[in-house]
Amino acid sequence: MLRSMTAFATRSGARGDCAWTWEMRGVNGKGLDLRLRLPEGIEGLEAALRVAAGRRLARGNVTASLRLQSAAAAAGLVLNEAALDAALAALAETERRADARGLTFAPATAAQVLGLRGILEPGEAVTAQADLAEVLAADFDALLAEFTAMRETEGAALAEVLAGQIDRIEALTGGAGTMLAARAEAIAESHRAALARVIEKPAEIAPERIAQELALVAVRLDVTEELDRLRAHVAAARDLLAQGSPVGRKLDFLAQEFMREANTLCSKAQNAGLTAIGLELKTVIDQMREQVQNVE
């Protein structure tokens, strides 16, 4: 099955007083670039996640982030009574010494006291758990499954578009082959007319001479090999679609080969109809390359 490199997935979980939220995003990339944003202090988690991602993902710039929260933290700020007692004692001692020197301070408000560093603190940090890394790694596997499923859904739509473009390339290649016979006659007539313009007595032109000139023109403008290669590329592209991801790089290379043959066809066309087919081929191939950039 074809997979896109563009996807998004999110997942939440909890265990005891520990809750977490995963978020994973993916965009196009030449290789696999996995960026992990993890809380500190969970030993072994990053290595386990990279191994798991490497089993399921082949290409793309992927960012995965993890947020941890404890039940205590969810309740809001907590009063640090020891710090409050120390702060009040320090305020009292400051006022006593100031009064001894004849100085007077404005009384401190409760809000000012609570605003001092260390008086109000976040709830207790997530309690360390020996098996937390293992639990999170298992949940990350579920996240990867959801992320991959979205890639496959996007990939199915991509495969349908690419299949239609390949069908169009095949049809245009067939049309170019059909047009070759008509082009040969048109080139022959044009060549006879050109010879007639430069020779005083056209009737005296030897048929062998005309045949020789036409043979040289035919060799120079022959596009049979280009059309054969286009047909071969069509078959190869269909095989890659059937094979499924990861084939993005191969499809991108194949699209370049398609374009090379289309360019040569246009340069050798010497015929308005064949040129039009070549230009349409280039348009379809360019659209195909844009879509291929999303394929894993």
Foldseek 3Di string as FASTA:
>chain_A
DWFFQFFKFKDKDDDAQKIKIKIKGWFFFPWEAEAEAEDPDPPPQVVLLVVLCVVQDTGTDMYMYMDMDGNQLVVPKDFDVVVLVVLVVVVVVVQVVCVVVVHDDDDDDPVRSCPDPPGIGGGDDDDDDPCPSVVVSVVVNVRSVVRRVRRVVVRVVLLVLLLVLLVVLLVLLVVLVVCPVVVLVVVLVVVLVVVPVVDVDSVPDDPVVSVVVSVVLCVVLPLVVLSVVSVVLSVVVVVDSVVYPPCLVVQLVSLVSQLVSLVSQLVSVSDPVSNVSSVVSNVSSVVNNVSSSRID
